[in-house]
Amino acid sequence: MADRTNPTTTHAGVLRPDEFARHVALRRVECADALSPWVENYWRLRWDLPPRATFLSATLPHPSCNLTVEHGGIRHEAEDRVVVTGVVTRRFEVTVRDAGWVFGAKFRPGGLAALTGSSARELRDRTVPAAALLPEDLVRALDQLGPDVSDEDCRDRFDELLKELTTAPDPAYDSVLEVVSTMLEDRSLLKVSQVEGRVGIRERRLQRLFSQYVGVTPKWVLARYRMHDVVTELDDGYDGSLADLAARYGWYDQAHFTRDFTRLVGTSPGTYVDACPAGAGGP
């Protein structure tokens, strides 16, 4: 059985983390041990911008679903304050304005599907009212949370409510966690065929598992983790050759790397480097 408490995600992905931290306060909060097989961590955002000021927050995608309570109009199209967001396959951009607050649970890859029996594939690139997946009494209880509730009390409420959903061990989900953890921990894995050989799961089964539990392909997850590594190095002040950096993380054609980087990040690697202050780490 996979170790269900191993890290299965990173804190990478916030673009321009130094600038983000000047506008939005981010705090991560640990969940109860009993929930750690399914939940990576909780997180809270809080902001209070001057009148008419705005900030475009941009985040690279993770292979994770989130359950959030949102106050302050961060998603103007969402009428419900308690929502579930599936895996986002593109750069996630939100214009932050006025004052607001969000508290959320970041599930491990496959964690939400394992808890609820839902299909992660059907949630991909979608935000839906939490009541579509979770019991109504749980959603009503979460809807009572807001900026006036401490982070610790929010954590306790999420812990209490999500524990009611916990289930017996799911061997298929354990297999997903093993694969994801292997991808994350071994930076030498650059191709899915290498992952298959390492974990002993054939391609067809691996594809089925990821489609149901994670909502995206194993290739997508591996590529996102390696791109997170690239952007983290750039944010930390990398001053070497971009060609060397690309090759280290699996791109042997710099033109291909530049296209992938630009499509996901929104600017070319060279432009991103020029705008990065040396040594800028994540929040």
C-alpha atoms as a PDB file:
ATOM      1  CA  MET A   1       0.000   0.000   0.000  1.00  0.00           C
ATOM      2  CA  ALA A   2       1.210   3.506  -0.806  1.00  0.00           C
ATOM      3  CA  ASP A   3       2.175   5.820   2.023  1.00  0.00           C
ATOM      4  CA  ARG A   4      -0.877   8.074   2.017  1.00  0.00           C
ATOM      5  CA  THR A   5       0.880  10.811   3.981  1.00  0.00           C
ATOM      6  CA  ASN A   6       3.761  11.420   1.534  1.00  0.00           C
ATOM      7  CA  PRO A   7       3.668  14.847  -0.142  1.00  0.00           C
ATOM      8  CA  THR A   8       1.818  14.627  -3.451  1.00  0.00           C
ATOM      9  CA  THR A   9       2.019  18.268  -4.462  1.00  0.00           C
ATOM     10  CA  THR A  10       4.328  21.260  -4.179  1.00  0.00           C
ATOM     11  CA  HIS A  11       3.877  24.844  -3.051  1.00  0.00           C
ATOM     12  CA  ALA A  12       5.192  25.988  -6.428  1.00  0.00           C
ATOM     13  CA  GLY A  13       3.071  27.584  -9.093  1.00  0.00           C
ATOM     14  CA  VAL A  14       2.339  31.149  -7.945  1.00  0.00           C
ATOM     15  CA  LEU A  15       3.781  33.341 -10.676  1.00  0.00           C
ATOM     16  CA  ARG A  16       5.680  36.423  -9.480  1.00  0.00           C
ATOM     17  CA  PRO A  17       5.430  35.181  -5.868  1.00  0.00           C
ATOM     18  CA  ASP A  18       7.078  38.296  -4.426  1.00  0.00           C
ATOM     19  CA  GLU A  19       4.533  40.555  -6.124  1.00  0.00           C
ATOM     20  CA  PHE A  20       1.662  38.255  -5.129  1.00  0.00           C
ATOM     21  CA  ALA A  21       2.714  38.465  -1.475  1.00  0.00           C
ATOM     22  CA  ARG A  22       2.547  42.281  -1.606  1.00  0.00           C
ATOM     23  CA  HIS A  23      -1.138  42.135  -2.525  1.00  0.00           C
ATOM     24  CA  VAL A  24      -2.524  38.918  -1.044  1.00  0.00           C
ATOM     25  CA  ALA A  25      -1.777  37.202   2.266  1.00  0.00           C
ATOM     26  CA  LEU A  26      -1.534  33.427   1.820  1.00  0.00           C
ATOM     27  CA  ARG A  27      -1.408  31.019   4.733  1.00  0.00           C
ATOM     28  CA  ARG A  28      -1.368  27.225   4.612  1.00  0.00           C
ATOM     29  CA  VAL A  29      -2.855  25.208   7.479  1.00  0.00           C
ATOM     30  CA  GLU A  30      -2.380  21.509   8.186  1.00  0.00           C
ATOM     31  CA  CYS A  31      -5.418  19.252   8.252  1.00  0.00           C
ATOM     32  CA  ALA A  32      -6.135  16.589  10.878  1.00  0.00           C
ATOM     33  CA  ASP A  33      -4.030  13.433  10.585  1.00  0.00           C
ATOM     34  CA  ALA A  34      -7.184  11.411   9.954  1.00  0.00           C
ATOM     35  CA  LEU A  35      -7.783  13.407   6.762  1.00  0.00           C
ATOM     36  CA  SER A  36      -4.228  13.420   5.429  1.00  0.00           C
ATOM     37  CA  PRO A  37      -4.819  10.428   3.133  1.00  0.00           C
ATOM     38  CA  TRP A  38      -7.204  12.604   1.108  1.00  0.00           C
ATOM     39  CA  VAL A  39      -6.386  16.260   1.917  1.00  0.00           C
ATOM     40  CA  GLU A  40      -2.993  17.838   1.238  1.00  0.00           C
ATOM     41  CA  ASN A  41      -3.575  20.974   3.296  1.00  0.00           C
ATOM     42  CA  TYR A  42      -5.935  23.883   3.898  1.00  0.00           C
ATOM     43  CA  TRP A  43      -5.132  27.367   2.656  1.00  0.00           C
ATOM     44  CA  ARG A  44      -6.407  30.863   3.306  1.00  0.00           C
ATOM     45  CA  LEU A  45      -6.227  34.015   1.204  1.00  0.00           C
ATOM     46  CA  ARG A  46      -6.964  37.495   2.531  1.00  0.00           C
ATOM     47  CA  TRP A  47      -6.624  40.827   0.746  1.00  0.00           C
ATOM     48  CA  ASP A  48      -7.652  44.471   1.174  1.00  0.00           C
ATOM     49  CA  LEU A  49      -6.713  46.652  -1.784  1.00  0.00           C
ATOM     50  CA  PRO A  50      -7.177  50.433  -2.032  1.00  0.00           C
ATOM     51  CA  PRO A  51     -10.211  51.723  -3.970  1.00  0.00           C
ATOM     52  CA  ARG A  52      -9.934  51.112  -7.729  1.00  0.00           C
ATOM     53  CA  ALA A  53      -6.720  49.130  -7.300  1.00  0.00           C
ATOM     54  CA  THR A  54      -6.529  45.672  -8.872  1.00  0.00           C
ATOM     55  CA  PHE A  55      -4.010  42.850  -9.022  1.00  0.00           C
ATOM     56  CA  LEU A  56      -3.961  40.010 -11.565  1.00  0.00           C
ATOM     57  CA  SER A  57      -3.091  36.825  -9.696  1.00  0.00           C
ATOM     58  CA  ALA A  58      -1.702  34.061 -11.923  1.00  0.00           C
ATOM     59  CA  THR A  59      -1.082  30.486 -10.803  1.00  0.00           C
ATOM     60  CA  LEU A  60       0.158  27.437 -12.676  1.00  0.00           C
ATOM     61  CA  PRO A  61      -2.170  24.426 -12.440  1.00  0.00           C
ATOM     62  CA  HIS A  62      -1.794  21.525 -10.024  1.00  0.00           C
ATOM     63  CA  PRO A  63      -3.384  18.072 -10.400  1.00  0.00           C
ATOM     64  CA  SER A  64      -5.662  18.833  -7.449  1.00  0.00           C
ATOM     65  CA  CYS A  65      -9.294  19.665  -6.742  1.00  0.00           C
ATOM     66  CA  ASN A  66     -10.231  22.332  -4.189  1.00  0.00           C
ATOM     67  CA  LEU A  67     -13.230  22.893  -1.909  1.00  0.00           C
ATOM     68  CA  THR A  68     -13.464  26.583  -1.045  1.00  0.00           C
ATOM     69  CA  VAL A  69     -15.546  29.092   0.887  1.00  0.00           C
ATOM     70  CA  GLU A  70     -15.223  32.449  -0.877  1.00  0.00           C
ATOM     71  CA  HIS A  71     -16.145  35.958   0.241  1.00  0.00           C
ATOM     72  CA  GLY A  72     -15.340  39.112  -1.695  1.00  0.00           C
ATOM     73  CA  GLY A  73     -16.218  38.461  -5.310  1.00  0.00           C
ATOM     74  CA  ILE A  74     -13.051  36.665  -6.371  1.00  0.00           C
ATOM     75  CA  ARG A  75     -15.223  34.845  -8.939  1.00  0.00           C
ATOM     76  CA  HIS A  76     -17.896  37.221 -10.111  1.00  0.00           C
ATOM     77  CA  GLU A  77     -19.681  34.479 -12.022  1.00  0.00           C
ATOM     78  CA  ALA A  78     -20.143  32.286  -8.937  1.00  0.00           C
ATOM     79  CA  GLU A  79     -23.355  32.808  -6.957  1.00  0.00           C
ATOM     80  CA  ASP A  80     -22.544  30.109  -4.393  1.00  0.00           C
ATOM     81  CA  ARG A  81     -19.952  30.877  -1.730  1.00  0.00           C
ATOM     82  CA  VAL A  82     -19.052  27.201  -1.224  1.00  0.00           C
ATOM     83  CA  VAL A  83     -17.710  25.698  -4.437  1.00  0.00           C
ATOM     84  CA  VAL A  84     -15.661  22.811  -5.755  1.00  0.00           C
ATOM     85  CA  THR A  85     -13.067  23.446  -8.464  1.00  0.00           C
ATOM     86  CA  GLY A  86     -11.702  20.557 -10.489  1.00  0.00           C
ATOM     87  CA  VAL A  87      -8.225  20.312 -11.924  1.00  0.00           C
ATOM     88  CA  VAL A  88      -7.534  23.436 -13.970  1.00  0.00           C
ATOM     89  CA  THR A  89      -5.516  22.617 -17.061  1.00  0.00           C
ATOM     90  CA  ARG A  90      -4.574  26.179 -17.976  1.00  0.00           C
ATOM     91  CA  ARG A  91      -2.958  29.075 -16.154  1.00  0.00           C
ATOM     92  CA  PHE A  92      -5.437  30.176 -13.474  1.00  0.00           C
ATOM     93  CA  GLU A  93      -5.909  33.948 -13.486  1.00  0.00           C
ATOM     94  CA  VAL A  94      -8.092  35.985 -11.144  1.00  0.00           C
ATOM     95  CA  THR A  95      -8.328  39.769 -10.868  1.00  0.00           C
ATOM     96  CA  VAL A  96      -8.235  40.657  -7.173  1.00  0.00           C
ATOM     97  CA  ARG A  97      -9.935  43.885  -6.072  1.00  0.00           C
ATOM     98  CA  ASP A  98     -11.475  45.490  -2.980  1.00  0.00           C
ATOM     99  CA  ALA A  99     -11.348  43.231   0.112  1.00  0.00           C
ATOM    100  CA  GLY A 100     -11.890  39.514   0.248  1.00  0.00           C
ATOM    101  CA  TRP A 101     -11.230  36.187   1.902  1.00  0.00           C
ATOM    102  CA  VAL A 102     -11.062  32.555   0.828  1.00  0.00           C
ATOM    103  CA  PHE A 103     -10.546  29.411   2.896  1.00  0.00           C
ATOM    104  CA  GLY A 104     -10.136  26.110   1.094  1.00  0.00           C
ATOM    105  CA  ALA A 105      -9.152  22.469   1.217  1.00  0.00           C
ATOM    106  CA  LYS A 106      -6.625  21.343  -1.368  1.00  0.00           C
ATOM    107  CA  PHE A 107      -7.188  17.642  -1.978  1.00  0.00           C
ATOM    108  CA  ARG A 108      -4.467  15.231  -2.903  1.00  0.00           C
ATOM    109  CA  PRO A 109      -4.571  14.207  -6.573  1.00  0.00           C
ATOM    110  CA  GLY A 110      -7.545  11.848  -6.681  1.00  0.00           C
ATOM    111  CA  GLY A 111      -8.536  12.626  -3.093  1.00  0.00           C
ATOM    112  CA  LEU A 112     -11.889  14.233  -3.834  1.00  0.00           C
ATOM    113  CA  ALA A 113     -12.919  11.441  -6.193  1.00  0.00           C
ATOM    114  CA  ALA A 114     -11.884   8.839  -3.628  1.00  0.00           C
ATOM    115  CA  LEU A 115     -13.951  10.556  -0.901  1.00  0.00           C
ATOM    116  CA  THR A 116     -17.080  11.252  -2.939  1.00  0.00           C
ATOM    117  CA  GLY A 117     -17.108   8.662  -5.720  1.00  0.00           C
ATOM    118  CA  SER A 118     -17.252  11.478  -8.274  1.00  0.00           C
ATOM    119  CA  SER A 119     -15.419  11.515 -11.594  1.00  0.00           C
ATOM    120  CA  ALA A 120     -12.495  13.936 -11.620  1.00  0.00           C
ATOM    121  CA  ARG A 121     -12.599  13.942 -15.413  1.00  0.00           C
ATOM    122  CA  GLU A 122     -16.089  15.489 -15.378  1.00  0.00           C
ATOM    123  CA  LEU A 123     -14.878  18.262 -13.035  1.00  0.00           C
ATOM    124  CA  ARG A 124     -11.855  19.212 -15.134  1.00  0.00           C
ATOM    125  CA  ASP A 125     -11.735  22.977 -15.794  1.00  0.00           C
ATOM    126  CA  ARG A 126     -15.036  23.495 -13.968  1.00  0.00           C
ATOM    127  CA  THR A 127     -16.187  25.217 -10.781  1.00  0.00           C
ATOM    128  CA  VAL A 128     -19.492  23.908  -9.445  1.00  0.00           C
ATOM    129  CA  PRO A 129     -21.603  24.504  -6.330  1.00  0.00           C
ATOM    130  CA  ALA A 130     -20.316  22.189  -3.611  1.00  0.00           C
ATOM    131  CA  ALA A 131     -23.868  20.922  -3.057  1.00  0.00           C
ATOM    132  CA  ALA A 132     -23.593  19.115  -6.391  1.00  0.00           C
ATOM    133  CA  LEU A 133     -21.078  16.721  -4.839  1.00  0.00           C
ATOM    134  CA  LEU A 134     -21.310  17.006  -1.069  1.00  0.00           C
ATOM    135  CA  PRO A 135     -24.123  16.613   1.504  1.00  0.00           C
ATOM    136  CA  GLU A 136     -26.280  19.716   1.864  1.00  0.00           C
ATOM    137  CA  ASP A 137     -25.796  19.911   5.649  1.00  0.00           C
ATOM    138  CA  LEU A 138     -22.005  19.914   5.170  1.00  0.00           C
ATOM    139  CA  VAL A 139     -22.268  22.735   2.623  1.00  0.00           C
ATOM    140  CA  ARG A 140     -24.598  24.771   4.871  1.00  0.00           C
ATOM    141  CA  ALA A 141     -22.145  24.436   7.757  1.00  0.00           C
ATOM    142  CA  LEU A 142     -19.221  25.599   5.612  1.00  0.00           C
ATOM    143  CA  ASP A 143     -21.295  28.522   4.343  1.00  0.00           C
ATOM    144  CA  GLN A 144     -21.296  29.905   7.893  1.00  0.00           C
ATOM    145  CA  LEU A 145     -17.538  30.485   7.734  1.00  0.00           C
ATOM    146  CA  GLY A 146     -16.176  33.879   6.788  1.00  0.00           C
ATOM    147  CA  PRO A 147     -13.457  36.481   7.332  1.00  0.00           C
ATOM    148  CA  ASP A 148     -14.474  36.921  10.968  1.00  0.00           C
ATOM    149  CA  VAL A 149     -13.700  33.263  11.761  1.00  0.00           C
ATOM    150  CA  SER A 150     -10.113  32.437  12.717  1.00  0.00           C
ATOM    151  CA  ASP A 151      -7.998  30.155  10.548  1.00  0.00           C
ATOM    152  CA  GLU A 152      -7.881  27.635  13.375  1.00  0.00           C
ATOM    153  CA  ASP A 153     -11.661  27.553  13.738  1.00  0.00           C
ATOM    154  CA  CYS A 154     -12.050  27.179   9.964  1.00  0.00           C
ATOM    155  CA  ARG A 155      -9.615  24.275  10.040  1.00  0.00           C
ATOM    156  CA  ASP A 156     -11.508  22.608  12.867  1.00  0.00           C
ATOM    157  CA  ARG A 157     -14.822  22.971  11.048  1.00  0.00           C
ATOM    158  CA  PHE A 158     -13.420  21.567   7.806  1.00  0.00           C
ATOM    159  CA  ASP A 159     -11.810  18.703   9.751  1.00  0.00           C
ATOM    160  CA  GLU A 160     -15.035  17.863  11.536  1.00  0.00           C
ATOM    161  CA  LEU A 161     -17.167  17.902   8.402  1.00  0.00           C
ATOM    162  CA  LEU A 162     -14.792  16.155   6.011  1.00  0.00           C
ATOM    163  CA  LYS A 163     -14.140  13.345   8.495  1.00  0.00           C
ATOM    164  CA  GLU A 164     -17.763  12.342   7.964  1.00  0.00           C
ATOM    165  CA  LEU A 165     -16.885  11.464   4.356  1.00  0.00           C
ATOM    166  CA  THR A 166     -13.865   9.270   5.059  1.00  0.00           C
ATOM    167  CA  THR A 167     -13.957   5.746   3.715  1.00  0.00           C
ATOM    168  CA  ALA A 168     -12.103   2.463   3.913  1.00  0.00           C
ATOM    169  CA  PRO A 169      -8.777   2.244   2.034  1.00  0.00           C
ATOM    170  CA  ASP A 170      -9.208   2.199  -1.741  1.00  0.00           C
ATOM    171  CA  PRO A 171      -6.415   0.176  -3.439  1.00  0.00           C
ATOM    172  CA  ALA A 172      -6.931   1.971  -6.768  1.00  0.00           C
ATOM    173  CA  TYR A 173      -6.574   5.372  -5.117  1.00  0.00           C
ATOM    174  CA  ASP A 174      -3.487   4.145  -3.267  1.00  0.00           C
ATOM    175  CA  SER A 175      -1.986   3.267  -6.658  1.00  0.00           C
ATOM    176  CA  VAL A 176      -2.651   6.803  -7.904  1.00  0.00           C
ATOM    177  CA  LEU A 177      -0.937   8.290  -4.851  1.00  0.00           C
ATOM    178  CA  GLU A 178       2.062   6.033  -5.324  1.00  0.00           C
ATOM    179  CA  VAL A 179       2.466   7.128  -8.938  1.00  0.00           C
ATOM    180  CA  VAL A 180       2.012  10.832  -8.202  1.00  0.00           C
ATOM    181  CA  SER A 181       4.409  10.739  -5.264  1.00  0.00           C
ATOM    182  CA  THR A 182       7.006   8.995  -7.434  1.00  0.00           C
ATOM    183  CA  MET A 183       6.626  11.640 -10.149  1.00  0.00           C
ATOM    184  CA  LEU A 184       7.054  14.417  -7.625  1.00  0.00           C
ATOM    185  CA  GLU A 185       9.999  13.017  -5.690  1.00  0.00           C
ATOM    186  CA  ASP A 186      12.185  11.743  -8.544  1.00  0.00           C
ATOM    187  CA  ARG A 187      13.174  14.646 -10.780  1.00  0.00           C
ATOM    188  CA  SER A 188      14.981  12.219 -13.117  1.00  0.00           C
ATOM    189  CA  LEU A 189      11.625  10.909 -14.385  1.00  0.00           C
ATOM    190  CA  LEU A 190      10.950  12.836 -17.582  1.00  0.00           C
ATOM    191  CA  LYS A 191       8.747  10.406 -19.542  1.00  0.00           C
ATOM    192  CA  VAL A 192       5.645   8.441 -18.596  1.00  0.00           C
ATOM    193  CA  SER A 193       7.327   5.246 -19.831  1.00  0.00           C
ATOM    194  CA  GLN A 194       9.962   5.754 -17.121  1.00  0.00           C
ATOM    195  CA  VAL A 195       7.215   6.150 -14.510  1.00  0.00           C
ATOM    196  CA  GLU A 196       5.472   2.990 -15.708  1.00  0.00           C
ATOM    197  CA  GLY A 197       8.687   1.014 -15.323  1.00  0.00           C
ATOM    198  CA  ARG A 198       9.278   2.425 -11.850  1.00  0.00           C
ATOM    199  CA  VAL A 199       5.813   1.702 -10.417  1.00  0.00           C
ATOM    200  CA  GLY A 200       5.036  -1.456 -12.390  1.00  0.00           C
ATOM    201  CA  ILE A 201       1.680  -0.307 -13.796  1.00  0.00           C
ATOM    202  CA  ARG A 202       0.971  -0.672 -17.501  1.00  0.00           C
ATOM    203  CA  GLU A 203       0.037   2.317 -19.621  1.00  0.00           C
ATOM    204  CA  ARG A 204      -3.628   1.449 -20.196  1.00  0.00           C
ATOM    205  CA  ARG A 205      -4.388   0.940 -16.506  1.00  0.00           C
ATOM    206  CA  LEU A 206      -2.434   4.058 -15.591  1.00  0.00           C
ATOM    207  CA  GLN A 207      -4.487   6.088 -18.057  1.00  0.00           C
ATOM    208  CA  ARG A 208      -7.771   4.732 -16.633  1.00  0.00           C
ATOM    209  CA  LEU A 209      -6.765   5.435 -13.045  1.00  0.00           C
ATOM    210  CA  PHE A 210      -5.741   9.013 -13.776  1.00  0.00           C
ATOM    211  CA  SER A 211      -8.848   9.700 -15.849  1.00  0.00           C
ATOM    212  CA  GLN A 212     -11.180   8.622 -13.036  1.00  0.00           C
ATOM    213  CA  TYR A 213      -9.330   9.911  -9.975  1.00  0.00           C
ATOM    214  CA  VAL A 214      -7.204  12.858 -11.156  1.00  0.00           C
ATOM    215  CA  GLY A 215      -9.062  14.028 -14.257  1.00  0.00           C
ATOM    216  CA  VAL A 216      -6.002  14.475 -16.485  1.00  0.00           C
ATOM    217  CA  THR A 217      -3.412  12.180 -18.054  1.00  0.00           C
ATOM    218  CA  PRO A 218      -0.197  10.972 -16.386  1.00  0.00           C
ATOM    219  CA  LYS A 219       1.737  12.854 -19.083  1.00  0.00           C
ATOM    220  CA  TRP A 220      -0.013  16.094 -18.119  1.00  0.00           C
ATOM    221  CA  VAL A 221       0.818  15.642 -14.415  1.00  0.00           C
ATOM    222  CA  LEU A 222       4.462  14.850 -15.096  1.00  0.00           C
ATOM    223  CA  ALA A 223       4.806  17.841 -17.430  1.00  0.00           C
ATOM    224  CA  ARG A 224       3.224  20.196 -14.872  1.00  0.00           C
ATOM    225  CA  TYR A 225       5.574  19.080 -12.105  1.00  0.00           C
ATOM    226  CA  ARG A 226       8.618  19.606 -14.319  1.00  0.00           C
ATOM    227  CA  MET A 227       7.339  23.038 -15.386  1.00  0.00           C
ATOM    228  CA  HIS A 228       6.822  23.921 -11.713  1.00  0.00           C
ATOM    229  CA  ASP A 229      10.477  23.010 -11.182  1.00  0.00           C
ATOM    230  CA  VAL A 230      11.543  25.293 -14.040  1.00  0.00           C
ATOM    231  CA  VAL A 231       9.530  28.294 -12.841  1.00  0.00           C
ATOM    232  CA  THR A 232      10.683  27.800  -9.238  1.00  0.00           C
ATOM    233  CA  GLU A 233      14.321  27.906 -10.354  1.00  0.00           C
ATOM    234  CA  LEU A 234      13.695  31.085 -12.336  1.00  0.00           C
ATOM    235  CA  ASP A 235      11.899  32.718  -9.392  1.00  0.00           C
ATOM    236  CA  ASP A 236      14.827  31.762  -7.150  1.00  0.00           C
ATOM    237  CA  GLY A 237      17.275  33.643  -9.388  1.00  0.00           C
ATOM    238  CA  TYR A 238      18.564  30.992 -11.813  1.00  0.00           C
ATOM    239  CA  ASP A 239      21.263  32.631 -13.937  1.00  0.00           C
ATOM    240  CA  GLY A 240      22.385  29.790 -16.187  1.00  0.00           C
ATOM    241  CA  SER A 241      21.500  28.905 -19.743  1.00  0.00           C
ATOM    242  CA  LEU A 242      17.810  28.430 -20.530  1.00  0.00           C
ATOM    243  CA  ALA A 243      18.798  25.604 -22.871  1.00  0.00           C
ATOM    244  CA  ASP A 244      20.527  23.808 -19.985  1.00  0.00           C
ATOM    245  CA  LEU A 245      17.540  24.350 -17.717  1.00  0.00           C
ATOM    246  CA  ALA A 246      15.138  23.031 -20.341  1.00  0.00           C
ATOM    247  CA  ALA A 247      17.252  19.928 -20.965  1.00  0.00           C
ATOM    248  CA  ARG A 248      17.513  19.193 -17.235  1.00  0.00           C
ATOM    249  CA  TYR A 249      13.732  18.891 -17.014  1.00  0.00           C
ATOM    250  CA  GLY A 250      13.104  16.934 -20.175  1.00  0.00           C
ATOM    251  CA  TRP A 251      13.007  19.407 -23.064  1.00  0.00           C
ATOM    252  CA  TYR A 252      15.769  18.596 -25.534  1.00  0.00           C
ATOM    253  CA  ASP A 253      14.422  21.029 -28.129  1.00  0.00           C
ATOM    254  CA  GLN A 254      14.557  24.622 -26.863  1.00  0.00           C
ATOM    255  CA  ALA A 255      11.901  25.745 -29.355  1.00  0.00           C
ATOM    256  CA  HIS A 256       9.509  23.151 -27.915  1.00  0.00           C
ATOM    257  CA  PHE A 257      10.351  24.291 -24.384  1.00  0.00           C
ATOM    258  CA  THR A 258       9.747  27.935 -25.300  1.00  0.00           C
ATOM    259  CA  ARG A 259       6.346  27.097 -26.814  1.00  0.00           C
ATOM    260  CA  ASP A 260       5.271  25.056 -23.784  1.00  0.00           C
ATOM    261  CA  PHE A 261       6.485  27.697 -21.336  1.00  0.00           C
ATOM    262  CA  THR A 262       4.828  30.575 -23.192  1.00  0.00           C
ATOM    263  CA  ARG A 263       1.532  28.715 -23.586  1.00  0.00           C
ATOM    264  CA  LEU A 264       1.332  27.935 -19.864  1.00  0.00           C
ATOM    265  CA  VAL A 265       2.990  30.939 -18.221  1.00  0.00           C
ATOM    266  CA  GLY A 266       1.813  33.593 -20.678  1.00  0.00           C
ATOM    267  CA  THR A 267       5.216  34.982 -21.582  1.00  0.00           C
ATOM    268  CA  SER A 268       8.444  33.626 -23.026  1.00  0.00           C
ATOM    269  CA  PRO A 269      11.139  32.222 -20.692  1.00  0.00           C
ATOM    270  CA  GLY A 270      13.474  35.107 -21.555  1.00  0.00           C
ATOM    271  CA  THR A 271      10.856  37.736 -20.782  1.00  0.00           C
ATOM    272  CA  TYR A 272       9.993  36.001 -17.519  1.00  0.00           C
ATOM    273  CA  VAL A 273      13.661  35.924 -16.477  1.00  0.00           C
ATOM    274  CA  ASP A 274      14.072  39.624 -17.230  1.00  0.00           C
ATOM    275  CA  ALA A 275      11.182  40.435 -14.892  1.00  0.00           C
ATOM    276  CA  CYS A 276      12.317  38.154 -12.042  1.00  0.00           C
ATOM    277  CA  PRO A 277      14.113  39.827  -9.149  1.00  0.00           C
ATOM    278  CA  ALA A 278      17.018  37.662  -8.050  1.00  0.00           C
ATOM    279  CA  GLY A 279      16.229  35.322  -5.206  1.00  0.00           C
ATOM    280  CA  ALA A 280      12.468  35.837  -5.210  1.00  0.00           C
ATOM    281  CA  GLY A 281      10.985  32.829  -3.453  1.00  0.00           C
ATOM    282  CA  GLY A 282       7.393  31.726  -3.005  1.00  0.00           C
ATOM    283  CA  PRO A 283       5.174  32.995  -0.184  1.00  0.00           C
END
